[in-house]
């Protein structure tokens, strides 16, 4: 009976990080270019804890730690930011935290971000077969934002095409 009690109480003699949350869900707006989240924690143990490094799942995500060493009772935070770039749809970004916490030396934090499509291009490209007549083809571009979208160029590749643009309001 005494051994069981000692095993249950033993972890509290070391440092221990308690995270306020492990996951953040974000619904981005069409005009957003990035999403940010804050992951807060506290050292609930009896000894200091050092966070040796913080890594992210891709180069589009950054994570900033406010300091490396946390005394017992001290609070900390990691600020994470995900730059959308060309990403759309459901995105899962992971932040890995490595520490000398004896109970959980590696923690995975996640950002689940739904990035809306700002432009819908249908079809994405058109082409003509050799035997096909050079009749006009249409690419429809619709936007999910109310702000104007400027199309600054159209790439026709190396062919002798002369593209034209026209605006059609959908009702």
C-alpha atoms as a PDB file:
ATOM      1  CA  UNK A   1       0.000   0.000   0.000  1.00  0.00           C
ATOM      2  CA  UNK A   2       2.827   2.422   0.813  1.00  0.00           C
ATOM      3  CA  UNK A   3       4.577   1.782  -2.524  1.00  0.00           C
ATOM      4  CA  UNK A   4       1.436   2.629  -4.493  1.00  0.00           C
ATOM      5  CA  UNK A   5       1.015   5.932  -2.647  1.00  0.00           C
ATOM      6  CA  UNK A   6       4.655   6.898  -3.289  1.00  0.00           C
ATOM      7  CA  UNK A   7       4.339   6.129  -7.016  1.00  0.00           C
ATOM      8  CA  UNK A   8       1.217   8.255  -7.319  1.00  0.00           C
ATOM      9  CA  UNK A   9       2.762  11.201  -5.469  1.00  0.00           C
ATOM     10  CA  UNK A  10       6.228  10.982  -7.015  1.00  0.00           C
ATOM     11  CA  UNK A  11       5.495  13.002 -10.211  1.00  0.00           C
ATOM     12  CA  UNK A  12       4.523  16.109  -8.220  1.00  0.00           C
ATOM     13  CA  UNK A  13       8.081  16.310  -6.884  1.00  0.00           C
ATOM     14  CA  UNK A  14       9.309  17.299 -10.365  1.00  0.00           C
ATOM     15  CA  UNK A  15       8.376  20.078 -12.745  1.00  0.00           C
ATOM     16  CA  UNK A  16       5.190  19.650 -14.685  1.00  0.00           C
ATOM     17  CA  UNK A  17       3.710  21.847 -17.393  1.00  0.00           C
ATOM     18  CA  UNK A  18      -0.077  22.126 -17.477  1.00  0.00           C
ATOM     19  CA  UNK A  19      -1.397  23.520 -20.764  1.00  0.00           C
ATOM     20  CA  UNK A  20      -4.561  25.612 -20.885  1.00  0.00           C
ATOM     21  CA  UNK A  21      -5.369  24.018 -24.249  1.00  0.00           C
ATOM     22  CA  UNK A  22      -3.685  21.738 -26.760  1.00  0.00           C
ATOM     23  CA  UNK A  23      -5.731  22.646 -29.816  1.00  0.00           C
ATOM     24  CA  UNK A  24      -7.135  25.800 -31.380  1.00  0.00           C
ATOM     25  CA  UNK A  25      -9.783  25.888 -34.117  1.00  0.00           C
ATOM     26  CA  UNK A  26      -9.928  28.955 -36.338  1.00  0.00           C
ATOM     27  CA  UNK A  27     -12.382  29.876 -39.123  1.00  0.00           C
ATOM     28  CA  UNK A  28     -10.479  32.378 -41.255  1.00  0.00           C
ATOM     29  CA  UNK A  29     -12.260  35.129 -43.133  1.00  0.00           C
ATOM     30  CA  UNK A  30     -11.724  35.546 -46.896  1.00  0.00           C
ATOM     31  CA  UNK A  31      -9.650  38.712 -46.414  1.00  0.00           C
ATOM     32  CA  UNK A  32      -7.340  37.099 -43.808  1.00  0.00           C
ATOM     33  CA  UNK A  33      -3.767  36.309 -44.800  1.00  0.00           C
ATOM     34  CA  UNK A  34      -2.785  34.516 -41.591  1.00  0.00           C
ATOM     35  CA  UNK A  35      -4.126  33.035 -38.359  1.00  0.00           C
ATOM     36  CA  UNK A  36      -2.616  33.294 -34.881  1.00  0.00           C
ATOM     37  CA  UNK A  37      -3.077  31.363 -31.660  1.00  0.00           C
ATOM     38  CA  UNK A  38      -1.703  31.566 -28.135  1.00  0.00           C
ATOM     39  CA  UNK A  39      -1.012  28.450 -26.081  1.00  0.00           C
ATOM     40  CA  UNK A  40      -0.657  29.269 -22.371  1.00  0.00           C
ATOM     41  CA  UNK A  41       0.770  27.004 -19.668  1.00  0.00           C
ATOM     42  CA  UNK A  42       1.940  26.948 -16.057  1.00  0.00           C
ATOM     43  CA  UNK A  43       4.680  24.966 -14.314  1.00  0.00           C
ATOM     44  CA  UNK A  44       2.707  23.161 -11.596  1.00  0.00           C
ATOM     45  CA  UNK A  45       5.689  21.166 -10.365  1.00  0.00           C
ATOM     46  CA  UNK A  46       8.187  21.736  -7.572  1.00  0.00           C
ATOM     47  CA  UNK A  47      11.247  22.329  -9.761  1.00  0.00           C
ATOM     48  CA  UNK A  48      12.042  24.581 -12.742  1.00  0.00           C
ATOM     49  CA  UNK A  49      11.365  23.367 -16.272  1.00  0.00           C
ATOM     50  CA  UNK A  50      13.391  24.325 -19.330  1.00  0.00           C
ATOM     51  CA  UNK A  51      11.871  24.272 -22.801  1.00  0.00           C
ATOM     52  CA  UNK A  52      14.800  23.358 -25.026  1.00  0.00           C
ATOM     53  CA  UNK A  53      13.140  23.963 -28.416  1.00  0.00           C
ATOM     54  CA  UNK A  54       9.885  24.563 -30.245  1.00  0.00           C
ATOM     55  CA  UNK A  55       9.376  23.337 -33.819  1.00  0.00           C
ATOM     56  CA  UNK A  56       6.549  23.654 -36.341  1.00  0.00           C
ATOM     57  CA  UNK A  57       5.219  21.253 -38.958  1.00  0.00           C
ATOM     58  CA  UNK A  58       6.054  23.489 -41.924  1.00  0.00           C
ATOM     59  CA  UNK A  59       7.762  26.718 -42.936  1.00  0.00           C
ATOM     60  CA  UNK A  60       4.412  28.518 -43.190  1.00  0.00           C
ATOM     61  CA  UNK A  61       3.992  28.318 -39.413  1.00  0.00           C
ATOM     62  CA  UNK A  62       6.086  30.061 -36.757  1.00  0.00           C
ATOM     63  CA  UNK A  63       6.066  29.680 -32.982  1.00  0.00           C
ATOM     64  CA  UNK A  64       7.537  32.119 -30.484  1.00  0.00           C
ATOM     65  CA  UNK A  65       8.286  31.191 -26.881  1.00  0.00           C
ATOM     66  CA  UNK A  66       8.464  34.067 -24.393  1.00  0.00           C
ATOM     67  CA  UNK A  67      11.371  32.487 -22.432  1.00  0.00           C
ATOM     68  CA  UNK A  68      13.032  29.086 -21.939  1.00  0.00           C
ATOM     69  CA  UNK A  69      13.111  28.495 -18.158  1.00  0.00           C
ATOM     70  CA  UNK A  70       9.981  28.446 -15.974  1.00  0.00           C
ATOM     71  CA  UNK A  71      10.102  28.364 -12.186  1.00  0.00           C
ATOM     72  CA  UNK A  72       7.448  26.490 -10.158  1.00  0.00           C
ATOM     73  CA  UNK A  73       4.155  28.387 -10.424  1.00  0.00           C
ATOM     74  CA  UNK A  74       5.386  30.502 -13.332  1.00  0.00           C
ATOM     75  CA  UNK A  75       3.156  31.006 -16.371  1.00  0.00           C
ATOM     76  CA  UNK A  76       4.317  31.022 -19.989  1.00  0.00           C
ATOM     77  CA  UNK A  77       2.971  31.171 -23.500  1.00  0.00           C
ATOM     78  CA  UNK A  78       3.753  30.182 -27.048  1.00  0.00           C
ATOM     79  CA  UNK A  79       2.473  32.429 -29.835  1.00  0.00           C
ATOM     80  CA  UNK A  80       1.924  30.580 -33.104  1.00  0.00           C
ATOM     81  CA  UNK A  81       1.199  32.098 -36.519  1.00  0.00           C
ATOM     82  CA  UNK A  82       0.224  30.399 -39.776  1.00  0.00           C
ATOM     83  CA  UNK A  83       0.716  32.343 -43.044  1.00  0.00           C
ATOM     84  CA  UNK A  84      -1.820  31.041 -45.588  1.00  0.00           C
ATOM     85  CA  UNK A  85       0.076  31.687 -48.808  1.00  0.00           C
ATOM     86  CA  UNK A  86      -1.673  29.447 -51.352  1.00  0.00           C
ATOM     87  CA  UNK A  87      -3.199  27.096 -48.778  1.00  0.00           C
ATOM     88  CA  UNK A  88      -6.991  26.743 -48.761  1.00  0.00           C
ATOM     89  CA  UNK A  89      -9.439  24.407 -47.087  1.00  0.00           C
ATOM     90  CA  UNK A  90      -8.871  22.533 -43.825  1.00  0.00           C
ATOM     91  CA  UNK A  91      -5.304  22.968 -42.546  1.00  0.00           C
ATOM     92  CA  UNK A  92      -3.674  21.223 -39.584  1.00  0.00           C
ATOM     93  CA  UNK A  93      -0.485  22.827 -38.244  1.00  0.00           C
ATOM     94  CA  UNK A  94       1.471  21.220 -35.414  1.00  0.00           C
ATOM     95  CA  UNK A  95       3.762  22.886 -32.884  1.00  0.00           C
ATOM     96  CA  UNK A  96       6.092  20.504 -31.021  1.00  0.00           C
ATOM     97  CA  UNK A  97       7.428  21.609 -27.639  1.00  0.00           C
ATOM     98  CA  UNK A  98      10.477  19.831 -26.178  1.00  0.00           C
ATOM     99  CA  UNK A  99      11.294  20.269 -22.483  1.00  0.00           C
ATOM    100  CA  UNK A 100      12.859  18.564 -19.502  1.00  0.00           C
ATOM    101  CA  UNK A 101       9.379  17.929 -18.045  1.00  0.00           C
ATOM    102  CA  UNK A 102       9.797  14.379 -16.678  1.00  0.00           C
ATOM    103  CA  UNK A 103       6.127  13.551 -17.173  1.00  0.00           C
ATOM    104  CA  UNK A 104       5.733  14.767 -20.748  1.00  0.00           C
ATOM    105  CA  UNK A 105       9.010  15.873 -22.358  1.00  0.00           C
ATOM    106  CA  UNK A 106       7.341  16.395 -25.764  1.00  0.00           C
ATOM    107  CA  UNK A 107       4.003  18.149 -26.225  1.00  0.00           C
ATOM    108  CA  UNK A 108       2.096  18.512 -29.500  1.00  0.00           C
ATOM    109  CA  UNK A 109      -0.059  21.608 -29.920  1.00  0.00           C
ATOM    110  CA  UNK A 110      -2.291  21.979 -32.961  1.00  0.00           C
ATOM    111  CA  UNK A 111      -3.880  24.734 -34.978  1.00  0.00           C
ATOM    112  CA  UNK A 112      -6.865  23.603 -37.066  1.00  0.00           C
ATOM    113  CA  UNK A 113      -7.558  26.373 -39.540  1.00  0.00           C
ATOM    114  CA  UNK A 114     -10.272  26.502 -42.181  1.00  0.00           C
ATOM    115  CA  UNK A 115      -8.962  28.778 -44.945  1.00  0.00           C
ATOM    116  CA  UNK A 116     -11.649  29.851 -47.425  1.00  0.00           C
ATOM    117  CA  UNK A 117     -10.967  30.034 -51.134  1.00  0.00           C
ATOM    118  CA  UNK A 118     -10.771  33.682 -52.121  1.00  0.00           C
ATOM    119  CA  UNK A 119     -10.899  32.944 -55.854  1.00  0.00           C
ATOM    120  CA  UNK A 120     -12.533  30.081 -57.665  1.00  0.00           C
ATOM    121  CA  UNK A 121     -11.122  29.482 -61.162  1.00  0.00           C
ATOM    122  CA  UNK A 122     -13.065  27.082 -63.371  1.00  0.00           C
ATOM    123  CA  UNK A 123     -11.539  25.522 -65.360  1.00  0.00           C
ATOM    124  CA  UNK A 124      -8.054  26.326 -64.126  1.00  0.00           C
ATOM    125  CA  UNK A 125      -6.645  26.122 -67.661  1.00  0.00           C
ATOM    126  CA  UNK A 126      -7.864  25.631 -71.218  1.00  0.00           C
ATOM    127  CA  UNK A 127      -6.203  24.199 -74.294  1.00  0.00           C
ATOM    128  CA  UNK A 128      -6.981  23.514 -77.933  1.00  0.00           C
ATOM    129  CA  UNK A 129      -6.216  20.289 -79.764  1.00  0.00           C
ATOM    130  CA  UNK A 130      -4.528  20.527 -83.168  1.00  0.00           C
ATOM    131  CA  UNK A 131      -7.649  19.383 -85.007  1.00  0.00           C
ATOM    132  CA  UNK A 132      -9.922  21.755 -83.050  1.00  0.00           C
ATOM    133  CA  UNK A 133     -11.052  25.102 -84.470  1.00  0.00           C
ATOM    134  CA  UNK A 134      -9.678  28.149 -82.637  1.00  0.00           C
ATOM    135  CA  UNK A 135     -13.038  29.076 -81.086  1.00  0.00           C
ATOM    136  CA  UNK A 136     -13.068  31.189 -77.887  1.00  0.00           C
ATOM    137  CA  UNK A 137     -13.048  29.389 -74.535  1.00  0.00           C
ATOM    138  CA  UNK A 138     -14.076  30.827 -71.202  1.00  0.00           C
ATOM    139  CA  UNK A 139     -12.481  30.651 -67.775  1.00  0.00           C
ATOM    140  CA  UNK A 140     -14.831  31.783 -65.022  1.00  0.00           C
ATOM    141  CA  UNK A 141     -13.278  33.544 -62.002  1.00  0.00           C
ATOM    142  CA  UNK A 142     -15.473  34.181 -58.976  1.00  0.00           C
ATOM    143  CA  UNK A 143     -14.454  35.803 -55.730  1.00  0.00           C
ATOM    144  CA  UNK A 144     -15.553  35.177 -52.158  1.00  0.00           C
ATOM    145  CA  UNK A 145     -14.782  38.714 -51.012  1.00  0.00           C
ATOM    146  CA  UNK A 146     -16.598  41.972 -51.654  1.00  0.00           C
ATOM    147  CA  UNK A 147     -13.437  43.909 -52.431  1.00  0.00           C
ATOM    148  CA  UNK A 148     -12.419  44.303 -56.069  1.00  0.00           C
ATOM    149  CA  UNK A 149      -9.905  41.833 -57.458  1.00  0.00           C
ATOM    150  CA  UNK A 150      -7.455  43.088 -60.078  1.00  0.00           C
ATOM    151  CA  UNK A 151      -6.328  40.615 -62.731  1.00  0.00           C
ATOM    152  CA  UNK A 152      -3.063  42.094 -63.877  1.00  0.00           C
ATOM    153  CA  UNK A 153      -2.056  39.596 -66.552  1.00  0.00           C
ATOM    154  CA  UNK A 154      -3.025  36.473 -68.426  1.00  0.00           C
ATOM    155  CA  UNK A 155      -0.344  33.941 -69.340  1.00  0.00           C
ATOM    156  CA  UNK A 156      -0.936  32.249 -72.686  1.00  0.00           C
ATOM    157  CA  UNK A 157       2.230  30.221 -72.617  1.00  0.00           C
ATOM    158  CA  UNK A 158       4.212  30.251 -75.832  1.00  0.00           C
ATOM    159  CA  UNK A 159       1.226  30.106 -78.200  1.00  0.00           C
ATOM    160  CA  UNK A 160       0.022  32.826 -80.596  1.00  0.00           C
ATOM    161  CA  UNK A 161      -3.141  33.606 -78.576  1.00  0.00           C
ATOM    162  CA  UNK A 162      -4.644  37.018 -77.953  1.00  0.00           C
ATOM    163  CA  UNK A 163      -6.666  36.763 -74.722  1.00  0.00           C
ATOM    164  CA  UNK A 164      -9.348  39.257 -73.741  1.00  0.00           C
ATOM    165  CA  UNK A 165     -10.926  39.919 -70.371  1.00  0.00           C
ATOM    166  CA  UNK A 166     -14.514  40.916 -69.739  1.00  0.00           C
ATOM    167  CA  UNK A 167     -16.430  41.517 -66.501  1.00  0.00           C
ATOM    168  CA  UNK A 168     -19.769  39.827 -65.924  1.00  0.00           C
ATOM    169  CA  UNK A 169     -21.691  40.493 -62.710  1.00  0.00           C
ATOM    170  CA  UNK A 170     -23.502  37.441 -61.387  1.00  0.00           C
ATOM    171  CA  UNK A 171     -26.969  38.095 -60.093  1.00  0.00           C
END
